Amino acid sequence: MKSLPPRSGPGRPPADIDWEKVDQCLRAQCLGTEVARLLGICPDTLYDACEREKKMLFSEYSALKKTEGKEILRMKQYQVAMAGDKTMLVWLGKQLLEQRDRQEHSVSLQLADLFQKDPNGD
């Protein structure tokens, strides 16, 4: 039987948080409540552990890791595009270079057509 670590006070011992798993989930843009659910803990337990172990609010830690996730995704998209994926090249061109598909429409009117009288005399 496994013995529990000694307690310094009443209540449960602190949860052992797998920060690699937390980081992976946050990089994938998961919410704190979703991360906590995946870890099988209460969101407040996760938030408190972040303040205790990472020395910052969970909202700050989450924003940092989510930004990392977006950076990784952008880099991967760029690598795929540079490897010759035409769809990704077009998509990145539209997103980053503001390139657009242009549809040409031409309308030809004769000035005389605008001033012709109605054949019914109206």
Protein backbone atom coordinates (compact mmCIF):
# COMPACT_ATOMS: atom_id res chain seq x y z
CA MET A 1 0.00 0.00 0.00
CA LYS A 2 1.32 3.43 -1.02
CA SER A 3 1.79 5.93 1.78
CA LEU A 4 0.63 9.50 1.37
CA PRO A 5 3.03 12.41 1.79
CA PRO A 6 2.86 14.11 5.18
CA ARG A 7 0.36 16.93 5.40
CA SER A 8 1.26 20.36 6.56
CA GLY A 9 -2.33 21.18 7.39
CA PRO A 10 -5.90 20.02 6.99
CA GLY A 11 -7.28 18.94 3.64
CA ARG A 12 -5.95 17.00 0.72
CA PRO A 13 -2.32 17.06 -0.36
CA PRO A 14 -1.67 19.24 -3.41
CA ALA A 15 -2.55 17.64 -6.74
CA ASP A 16 0.33 16.41 -8.86
CA ILE A 17 -0.19 18.33 -12.13
CA ASP A 18 1.27 17.01 -15.38
CA TRP A 19 2.38 20.38 -16.78
CA GLU A 20 3.46 18.87 -20.11
CA LYS A 21 -0.12 17.69 -20.63
CA VAL A 22 -1.47 21.08 -19.51
CA ASP A 23 0.87 22.86 -21.94
CA GLN A 24 -0.14 20.57 -24.81
CA CYS A 25 -3.84 21.18 -24.16
CA LEU A 26 -3.38 24.94 -23.88
CA ARG A 27 -1.33 25.06 -27.10
CA ALA A 28 -4.30 23.31 -28.72
CA GLN A 29 -6.44 26.25 -27.47
CA CYS A 30 -8.32 24.26 -24.78
CA LEU A 31 -10.02 26.17 -21.98
CA GLY A 32 -8.84 25.82 -18.38
CA THR A 33 -12.04 23.97 -17.47
CA GLU A 34 -11.39 21.48 -20.28
CA VAL A 35 -7.80 20.95 -19.15
CA ALA A 36 -8.94 20.37 -15.57
CA ARG A 37 -11.57 17.89 -16.73
CA LEU A 38 -8.94 15.99 -18.76
CA LEU A 39 -6.71 15.85 -15.69
CA GLY A 40 -9.61 14.76 -13.49
CA ILE A 41 -9.32 17.72 -11.13
CA CYS A 42 -11.37 20.76 -10.21
CA PRO A 43 -10.55 23.91 -12.23
CA ASP A 44 -9.75 25.79 -9.01
CA THR A 45 -7.17 23.11 -8.16
CA LEU A 46 -5.48 23.74 -11.52
CA TYR A 47 -5.62 27.52 -11.10
CA ASP A 48 -4.21 27.37 -7.56
CA ALA A 49 -1.43 24.99 -8.64
CA CYS A 50 -0.49 27.38 -11.43
CA GLU A 51 -0.11 30.27 -8.99
CA ARG A 52 1.86 28.09 -6.59
CA GLU A 53 4.14 26.32 -9.09
CA LYS A 54 4.35 28.72 -12.05
CA LYS A 55 4.16 31.93 -10.01
CA MET A 56 1.51 33.47 -12.27
CA LEU A 57 -2.24 33.54 -12.69
CA PHE A 58 -3.67 30.74 -14.81
CA SER A 59 -5.08 33.30 -17.26
CA GLU A 60 -1.55 34.62 -17.90
CA TYR A 61 -0.08 31.12 -18.19
CA SER A 62 -2.89 30.05 -20.51
CA ALA A 63 -2.43 33.09 -22.78
CA LEU A 64 1.31 32.39 -23.00
CA LYS A 65 0.82 28.75 -23.99
CA LYS A 66 -2.02 29.52 -26.41
CA THR A 67 0.23 32.04 -28.15
CA GLU A 68 2.94 29.38 -28.42
CA GLY A 69 0.37 27.05 -30.01
CA LYS A 70 -0.57 29.63 -32.63
CA GLU A 71 3.11 30.27 -33.40
CA ILE A 72 3.76 26.54 -33.85
CA LEU A 73 0.72 26.23 -36.13
CA ARG A 74 1.79 29.20 -38.26
CA MET A 75 5.29 27.74 -38.62
CA LYS A 76 3.87 24.35 -39.65
CA GLN A 77 1.55 25.95 -42.20
CA TYR A 78 4.47 27.88 -43.65
CA GLN A 79 6.59 24.70 -43.85
CA VAL A 80 3.75 22.86 -45.63
CA ALA A 81 3.33 25.75 -48.07
CA MET A 82 7.06 25.95 -48.78
CA ALA A 83 7.09 22.20 -49.42
CA GLY A 84 4.80 22.92 -52.38
CA ASP A 85 1.27 22.51 -51.02
CA LYS A 86 -0.59 24.80 -53.44
CA THR A 87 -3.72 25.00 -51.31
CA MET A 88 -1.70 26.21 -48.33
CA LEU A 89 0.24 28.66 -50.52
CA VAL A 90 -3.03 30.20 -51.75
CA TRP A 91 -4.54 30.27 -48.26
CA LEU A 92 -1.50 31.92 -46.70
CA GLY A 93 -1.37 34.40 -49.57
CA LYS A 94 -4.95 35.41 -48.83
CA GLN A 95 -4.39 35.57 -45.07
CA LEU A 96 -0.97 37.20 -44.88
CA LEU A 97 -0.65 39.08 -48.15
CA GLU A 98 -4.30 40.12 -48.51
CA GLN A 99 -4.48 38.45 -51.91
CA ARG A 100 -8.00 37.80 -53.16
CA ASP A 101 -9.69 35.84 -55.89
CA ARG A 102 -10.79 38.40 -58.43
CA GLN A 103 -13.93 37.87 -60.44
CA GLU A 104 -14.15 40.05 -63.51
CA HIS A 105 -17.59 41.31 -64.45
CA SER A 106 -18.14 43.37 -67.53
CA VAL A 107 -21.27 45.22 -68.39
CA SER A 108 -21.59 46.94 -71.71
CA LEU A 109 -24.27 49.56 -72.13
CA GLN A 110 -24.69 51.94 -74.96
CA LEU A 111 -25.48 55.46 -73.88
CA ALA A 112 -28.27 55.54 -76.43
CA ASP A 113 -29.88 52.49 -74.76
CA LEU A 114 -30.32 54.48 -71.56
CA PHE A 115 -32.28 57.23 -73.32
CA GLN A 116 -34.39 55.18 -75.69
CA LYS A 117 -38.06 55.68 -75.37
CA ASP A 118 -40.26 52.78 -74.46
CA PRO A 119 -41.76 51.24 -77.64
CA ASN A 120 -45.19 51.34 -75.95
CA GLY A 121 -44.96 55.12 -75.71
CA ASP A 122 -44.66 55.28 -71.95
